[in-house]
Amino acid sequence: MNHLNKRGQTLMRGLPSTLLHIHEAMEAARKADREHIGPPAIYAVISFDKGLWRFDPQSHLLKGWAKAYKNREDTSSLETELATEQVRMGLFKWPGHEGARAAEFSRSG
């Protein structure tokens, strides 16, 4: 949470910067406690109107952004249509959830 707060992460941030901030926060957590926190297998992306998707944390796109923004305080330059489209191209449907919507998951159980 400290890293997300440091980056100014809010609900109003776009998908590209949010994904980068989550990735950075996961890396910070792993560095702080390698015994209990391993590398993420996948990042889940839930969209209200488009359902459940997955994004590979080892993608070249995300690794490139992490390197490029490592020493920069501001990530607002990721709030562009190009960056959003780059993320969309890296999203994959979660097997078994084709056509599912995020609202349906809260009712299952």
N, C-alpha and C. Protein backbone atom coordinates (compact mmCIF):
# COMPACT_ATOMS: atom_id res chain seq x y z
N MET A 1 0.82 -1.20 0.00
CA MET A 1 0.00 0.00 0.00
C MET A 1 0.87 1.26 0.00
N ASN A 2 1.99 1.20 0.70
CA ASN A 2 2.85 2.38 0.74
C ASN A 2 3.28 2.79 -0.67
N HIS A 3 3.62 1.81 -1.48
CA HIS A 3 4.06 2.14 -2.82
C HIS A 3 2.92 2.73 -3.66
N LEU A 4 1.73 2.16 -3.51
CA LEU A 4 0.57 2.69 -4.25
C LEU A 4 0.28 4.12 -3.83
N ASN A 5 0.38 4.39 -2.54
CA ASN A 5 0.18 5.76 -2.06
C ASN A 5 1.27 6.69 -2.58
N LYS A 6 2.51 6.21 -2.59
CA LYS A 6 3.63 7.01 -3.10
C LYS A 6 3.41 7.38 -4.56
N ARG A 7 2.85 6.48 -5.33
CA ARG A 7 2.60 6.71 -6.75
C ARG A 7 1.33 7.51 -6.99
N GLY A 8 0.55 7.76 -5.94
CA GLY A 8 -0.69 8.52 -6.10
C GLY A 8 -1.79 7.73 -6.78
N GLN A 9 -1.78 6.41 -6.56
CA GLN A 9 -2.77 5.54 -7.19
C GLN A 9 -4.17 5.81 -6.64
N THR A 10 -5.10 6.04 -7.54
CA THR A 10 -6.50 6.24 -7.17
C THR A 10 -7.38 5.47 -8.15
N LEU A 11 -8.67 5.45 -7.89
CA LEU A 11 -9.63 4.82 -8.80
C LEU A 11 -9.71 5.55 -10.13
N MET A 12 -9.24 6.77 -10.17
CA MET A 12 -9.34 7.57 -11.39
C MET A 12 -8.17 7.36 -12.34
N ARG A 13 -7.16 6.61 -11.92
CA ARG A 13 -6.01 6.35 -12.80
C ARG A 13 -6.42 5.36 -13.88
N GLY A 14 -5.77 5.45 -15.02
CA GLY A 14 -6.06 4.56 -16.13
C GLY A 14 -5.43 3.19 -15.94
N LEU A 15 -5.80 2.29 -16.84
CA LEU A 15 -5.32 0.92 -16.77
C LEU A 15 -3.79 0.82 -16.88
N PRO A 16 -3.13 1.51 -17.81
CA PRO A 16 -1.68 1.36 -17.92
C PRO A 16 -0.92 1.74 -16.64
N SER A 17 -1.19 2.92 -16.09
CA SER A 17 -0.46 3.32 -14.89
C SER A 17 -0.85 2.47 -13.69
N THR A 18 -2.11 2.07 -13.61
CA THR A 18 -2.53 1.19 -12.51
C THR A 18 -1.79 -0.14 -12.57
N LEU A 19 -1.69 -0.70 -13.75
CA LEU A 19 -0.98 -1.97 -13.90
C LEU A 19 0.49 -1.81 -13.51
N LEU A 20 1.12 -0.72 -13.94
CA LEU A 20 2.51 -0.48 -13.55
C LEU A 20 2.64 -0.31 -12.05
N HIS A 21 1.75 0.44 -11.43
CA HIS A 21 1.83 0.68 -9.99
C HIS A 21 1.65 -0.63 -9.20
N ILE A 22 0.72 -1.47 -9.64
CA ILE A 22 0.52 -2.77 -8.98
C ILE A 22 1.78 -3.62 -9.13
N HIS A 23 2.34 -3.62 -10.33
CA HIS A 23 3.56 -4.39 -10.59
C HIS A 23 4.70 -3.91 -9.68
N GLU A 24 4.88 -2.61 -9.59
CA GLU A 24 5.93 -2.04 -8.73
C GLU A 24 5.69 -2.39 -7.27
N ALA A 25 4.43 -2.32 -6.83
CA ALA A 25 4.09 -2.65 -5.44
C ALA A 25 4.37 -4.12 -5.14
N MET A 26 4.06 -5.00 -6.09
CA MET A 26 4.36 -6.43 -5.91
C MET A 26 5.86 -6.66 -5.81
N GLU A 27 6.64 -5.99 -6.65
CA GLU A 27 8.09 -6.13 -6.60
C GLU A 27 8.64 -5.61 -5.27
N ALA A 28 8.12 -4.50 -4.78
CA ALA A 28 8.56 -3.95 -3.50
C ALA A 28 8.23 -4.92 -2.36
N ALA A 29 7.06 -5.52 -2.41
CA ALA A 29 6.66 -6.49 -1.38
C ALA A 29 7.56 -7.72 -1.41
N ARG A 30 7.87 -8.20 -2.60
CA ARG A 30 8.75 -9.36 -2.74
C ARG A 30 10.13 -9.07 -2.18
N LYS A 31 10.66 -7.89 -2.47
CA LYS A 31 11.99 -7.53 -1.97
C LYS A 31 12.01 -7.44 -0.45
N ALA A 32 10.89 -7.01 0.13
CA ALA A 32 10.80 -6.87 1.57
C ALA A 32 10.64 -8.21 2.28
N ASP A 33 10.07 -9.22 1.60
CA ASP A 33 9.80 -10.51 2.26
C ASP A 33 9.83 -11.65 1.25
N ARG A 34 11.01 -11.97 0.75
CA ARG A 34 11.15 -13.03 -0.26
C ARG A 34 10.77 -14.41 0.28
N GLU A 35 10.82 -14.59 1.59
CA GLU A 35 10.48 -15.89 2.17
C GLU A 35 8.99 -16.21 2.02
N HIS A 36 8.14 -15.20 2.07
CA HIS A 36 6.70 -15.42 2.05
C HIS A 36 6.00 -14.94 0.78
N ILE A 37 6.67 -14.10 0.00
CA ILE A 37 6.03 -13.53 -1.19
C ILE A 37 6.83 -13.92 -2.42
N GLY A 38 6.20 -14.67 -3.29
CA GLY A 38 6.84 -15.10 -4.53
C GLY A 38 6.41 -14.23 -5.69
N PRO A 39 6.93 -14.53 -6.85
CA PRO A 39 6.54 -13.75 -8.03
C PRO A 39 5.10 -14.06 -8.43
N PRO A 40 4.38 -13.06 -8.92
CA PRO A 40 2.99 -13.31 -9.33
C PRO A 40 2.95 -14.16 -10.59
N ALA A 41 2.01 -15.07 -10.65
CA ALA A 41 1.83 -15.91 -11.84
C ALA A 41 1.07 -15.15 -12.91
N ILE A 42 0.17 -14.30 -12.49
CA ILE A 42 -0.70 -13.57 -13.42
C ILE A 42 -1.30 -12.38 -12.67
N TYR A 43 -1.63 -11.32 -13.38
CA TYR A 43 -2.40 -10.23 -12.81
C TYR A 43 -3.82 -10.35 -13.33
N ALA A 44 -4.78 -10.37 -12.44
CA ALA A 44 -6.19 -10.42 -12.83
C ALA A 44 -6.70 -9.01 -13.04
N VAL A 45 -7.40 -8.79 -14.14
CA VAL A 45 -7.99 -7.50 -14.46
C VAL A 45 -9.49 -7.71 -14.58
N ILE A 46 -10.23 -7.04 -13.72
CA ILE A 46 -11.69 -7.17 -13.72
C ILE A 46 -12.29 -5.88 -14.25
N SER A 47 -13.07 -6.02 -15.30
CA SER A 47 -13.74 -4.88 -15.90
C SER A 47 -15.24 -5.05 -15.70
N PHE A 48 -15.90 -4.00 -15.25
CA PHE A 48 -17.33 -4.07 -15.00
C PHE A 48 -18.11 -4.56 -16.21
N ASP A 49 -17.76 -4.05 -17.37
CA ASP A 49 -18.54 -4.39 -18.55
C ASP A 49 -17.87 -5.40 -19.48
N LYS A 50 -16.63 -5.78 -19.20
CA LYS A 50 -15.93 -6.70 -20.09
C LYS A 50 -15.48 -7.99 -19.42
N GLY A 51 -15.77 -8.16 -18.14
CA GLY A 51 -15.48 -9.41 -17.45
C GLY A 51 -14.08 -9.53 -16.89
N LEU A 52 -13.64 -10.78 -16.74
CA LEU A 52 -12.39 -11.12 -16.09
C LEU A 52 -11.31 -11.43 -17.13
N TRP A 53 -10.19 -10.75 -17.00
CA TRP A 53 -9.08 -10.90 -17.94
C TRP A 53 -7.81 -11.15 -17.16
N ARG A 54 -6.76 -11.60 -17.86
CA ARG A 54 -5.47 -11.80 -17.21
C ARG A 54 -4.38 -11.10 -18.00
N PHE A 55 -3.33 -10.69 -17.29
CA PHE A 55 -2.20 -10.01 -17.89
C PHE A 55 -0.93 -10.65 -17.33
N ASP A 56 0.02 -10.93 -18.21
CA ASP A 56 1.26 -11.59 -17.82
C ASP A 56 2.21 -10.59 -17.15
N PRO A 57 2.57 -10.82 -15.87
CA PRO A 57 3.48 -9.90 -15.18
C PRO A 57 4.90 -9.92 -15.75
N GLN A 58 5.19 -10.91 -16.57
CA GLN A 58 6.53 -11.00 -17.18
C GLN A 58 6.56 -10.43 -18.61
N SER A 59 5.49 -9.73 -19.00
CA SER A 59 5.43 -9.18 -20.36
C SER A 59 6.54 -8.17 -20.58
N HIS A 60 7.01 -8.11 -21.81
CA HIS A 60 8.05 -7.14 -22.17
C HIS A 60 7.55 -5.71 -21.97
N LEU A 61 6.28 -5.48 -22.25
CA LEU A 61 5.70 -4.15 -22.08
C LEU A 61 5.82 -3.69 -20.63
N LEU A 62 5.37 -4.51 -19.70
CA LEU A 62 5.39 -4.14 -18.29
C LEU A 62 6.82 -4.02 -17.76
N LYS A 63 7.69 -4.93 -18.17
CA LYS A 63 9.09 -4.83 -17.73
C LYS A 63 9.75 -3.57 -18.28
N GLY A 64 9.41 -3.21 -19.50
CA GLY A 64 9.96 -1.98 -20.08
C GLY A 64 9.48 -0.74 -19.36
N TRP A 65 8.19 -0.70 -19.05
CA TRP A 65 7.65 0.43 -18.30
C TRP A 65 8.28 0.51 -16.91
N ALA A 66 8.43 -0.62 -16.24
CA ALA A 66 9.02 -0.63 -14.90
C ALA A 66 10.44 -0.05 -14.94
N LYS A 67 11.19 -0.41 -15.95
CA LYS A 67 12.55 0.11 -16.10
C LYS A 67 12.53 1.60 -16.42
N ALA A 68 11.67 1.99 -17.34
CA ALA A 68 11.60 3.39 -17.78
C ALA A 68 11.14 4.34 -16.67
N TYR A 69 10.24 3.87 -15.81
CA TYR A 69 9.65 4.75 -14.79
C TYR A 69 10.24 4.53 -13.40
N LYS A 70 11.24 3.69 -13.29
CA LYS A 70 11.82 3.35 -11.99
C LYS A 70 12.21 4.58 -11.17
N ASN A 71 12.86 5.52 -11.81
CA ASN A 71 13.35 6.71 -11.09
C ASN A 71 12.55 7.97 -11.39
N ARG A 72 11.37 7.79 -11.95
CA ARG A 72 10.52 8.93 -12.25
C ARG A 72 9.38 9.00 -11.24
N GLU A 73 9.09 10.19 -10.76
CA GLU A 73 8.02 10.35 -9.78
C GLU A 73 6.64 10.29 -10.41
N ASP A 74 6.54 10.74 -11.65
CA ASP A 74 5.22 10.88 -12.29
C ASP A 74 5.06 9.84 -13.40
N THR A 75 3.94 9.13 -13.37
CA THR A 75 3.64 8.14 -14.41
C THR A 75 2.45 8.57 -15.27
N SER A 76 2.07 9.82 -15.17
CA SER A 76 0.88 10.28 -15.89
C SER A 76 1.05 10.21 -17.41
N SER A 77 2.29 10.13 -17.89
CA SER A 77 2.49 10.02 -19.33
C SER A 77 1.99 8.67 -19.87
N LEU A 78 1.65 7.75 -18.99
CA LEU A 78 1.05 6.47 -19.42
C LEU A 78 -0.46 6.60 -19.66
N GLU A 79 -1.02 7.74 -19.34
CA GLU A 79 -2.46 7.95 -19.50
C GLU A 79 -2.75 8.37 -20.94
N THR A 80 -2.44 7.49 -21.88
CA THR A 80 -2.66 7.78 -23.29
C THR A 80 -3.41 6.63 -23.95
N GLU A 81 -3.99 6.91 -25.09
CA GLU A 81 -4.68 5.86 -25.85
C GLU A 81 -3.70 4.79 -26.32
N LEU A 82 -2.49 5.21 -26.70
CA LEU A 82 -1.49 4.24 -27.15
C LEU A 82 -1.14 3.25 -26.04
N ALA A 83 -0.85 3.75 -24.85
CA ALA A 83 -0.51 2.87 -23.72
C ALA A 83 -1.69 1.97 -23.36
N THR A 84 -2.89 2.52 -23.40
CA THR A 84 -4.09 1.72 -23.10
C THR A 84 -4.25 0.61 -24.13
N GLU A 85 -4.04 0.92 -25.39
CA GLU A 85 -4.15 -0.09 -26.44
C GLU A 85 -3.06 -1.15 -26.30
N GLN A 86 -1.87 -0.75 -25.89
CA GLN A 86 -0.79 -1.72 -25.67
C GLN A 86 -1.17 -2.70 -24.57
N VAL A 87 -1.79 -2.21 -23.50
CA VAL A 87 -2.24 -3.10 -22.43
C VAL A 87 -3.35 -4.01 -22.95
N ARG A 88 -4.32 -3.44 -23.65
CA ARG A 88 -5.43 -4.25 -24.19
C ARG A 88 -4.92 -5.40 -25.05
N MET A 89 -3.86 -5.16 -25.82
CA MET A 89 -3.29 -6.20 -26.67
C MET A 89 -2.66 -7.32 -25.84
N GLY A 90 -2.30 -7.03 -24.59
CA GLY A 90 -1.70 -8.03 -23.71
C GLY A 90 -2.68 -8.73 -22.80
N LEU A 91 -3.97 -8.36 -22.88
CA LEU A 91 -4.99 -8.98 -22.04
C LEU A 91 -5.50 -10.27 -22.69
N PHE A 92 -5.74 -11.27 -21.86
CA PHE A 92 -6.28 -12.54 -22.33
C PHE A 92 -7.45 -12.93 -21.46
N LYS A 93 -8.48 -13.48 -22.08
CA LYS A 93 -9.64 -13.95 -21.31
C LYS A 93 -9.22 -15.06 -20.37
N TRP A 94 -9.78 -15.06 -19.20
CA TRP A 94 -9.54 -16.11 -18.23
C TRP A 94 -10.29 -17.36 -18.69
N PRO A 95 -9.62 -18.48 -18.84
CA PRO A 95 -10.30 -19.70 -19.33
C PRO A 95 -11.54 -20.01 -18.48
N GLY A 96 -12.63 -20.31 -19.15
CA GLY A 96 -13.86 -20.64 -18.46
C GLY A 96 -14.74 -19.45 -18.13
N HIS A 97 -14.26 -18.25 -18.41
CA HIS A 97 -15.03 -17.05 -18.08
C HIS A 97 -15.35 -16.22 -19.31
N GLU A 98 -15.35 -16.84 -20.46
CA GLU A 98 -15.66 -16.11 -21.67
C GLU A 98 -17.06 -15.51 -21.57
N GLY A 99 -17.15 -14.23 -21.79
CA GLY A 99 -18.44 -13.55 -21.76
C GLY A 99 -18.93 -13.20 -20.36
N ALA A 100 -18.21 -13.62 -19.32
CA ALA A 100 -18.64 -13.33 -17.95
C ALA A 100 -18.43 -11.85 -17.65
N ARG A 101 -19.25 -11.34 -16.76
CA ARG A 101 -19.13 -9.95 -16.34
C ARG A 101 -18.75 -9.92 -14.86
N ALA A 102 -18.05 -8.87 -14.47
CA ALA A 102 -17.58 -8.75 -13.09
C ALA A 102 -18.73 -8.86 -12.11
N ALA A 103 -19.89 -8.30 -12.41
CA ALA A 103 -21.04 -8.33 -11.49
C ALA A 103 -21.49 -9.76 -11.22
N GLU A 104 -21.32 -10.67 -12.17
CA GLU A 104 -21.73 -12.05 -11.99
C GLU A 104 -20.87 -12.77 -10.97
N PHE A 105 -19.61 -12.39 -10.81
CA PHE A 105 -18.71 -13.06 -9.89
C PHE A 105 -19.09 -12.81 -8.44
N SER A 106 -19.66 -11.64 -8.13
CA SER A 106 -20.04 -11.36 -6.74
C SER A 106 -21.26 -12.17 -6.32
N ARG A 107 -22.04 -12.67 -7.29
CA ARG A 107 -23.23 -13.48 -6.95
C ARG A 107 -22.92 -14.96 -6.88
N SER A 108 -21.77 -15.38 -7.45
CA SER A 108 -21.46 -16.81 -7.43
C SER A 108 -20.99 -17.24 -6.06
N GLY A 109 -21.09 -18.53 -5.80
CA GLY A 109 -20.58 -18.96 -4.50
C GLY A 109 -21.18 -20.17 -3.98
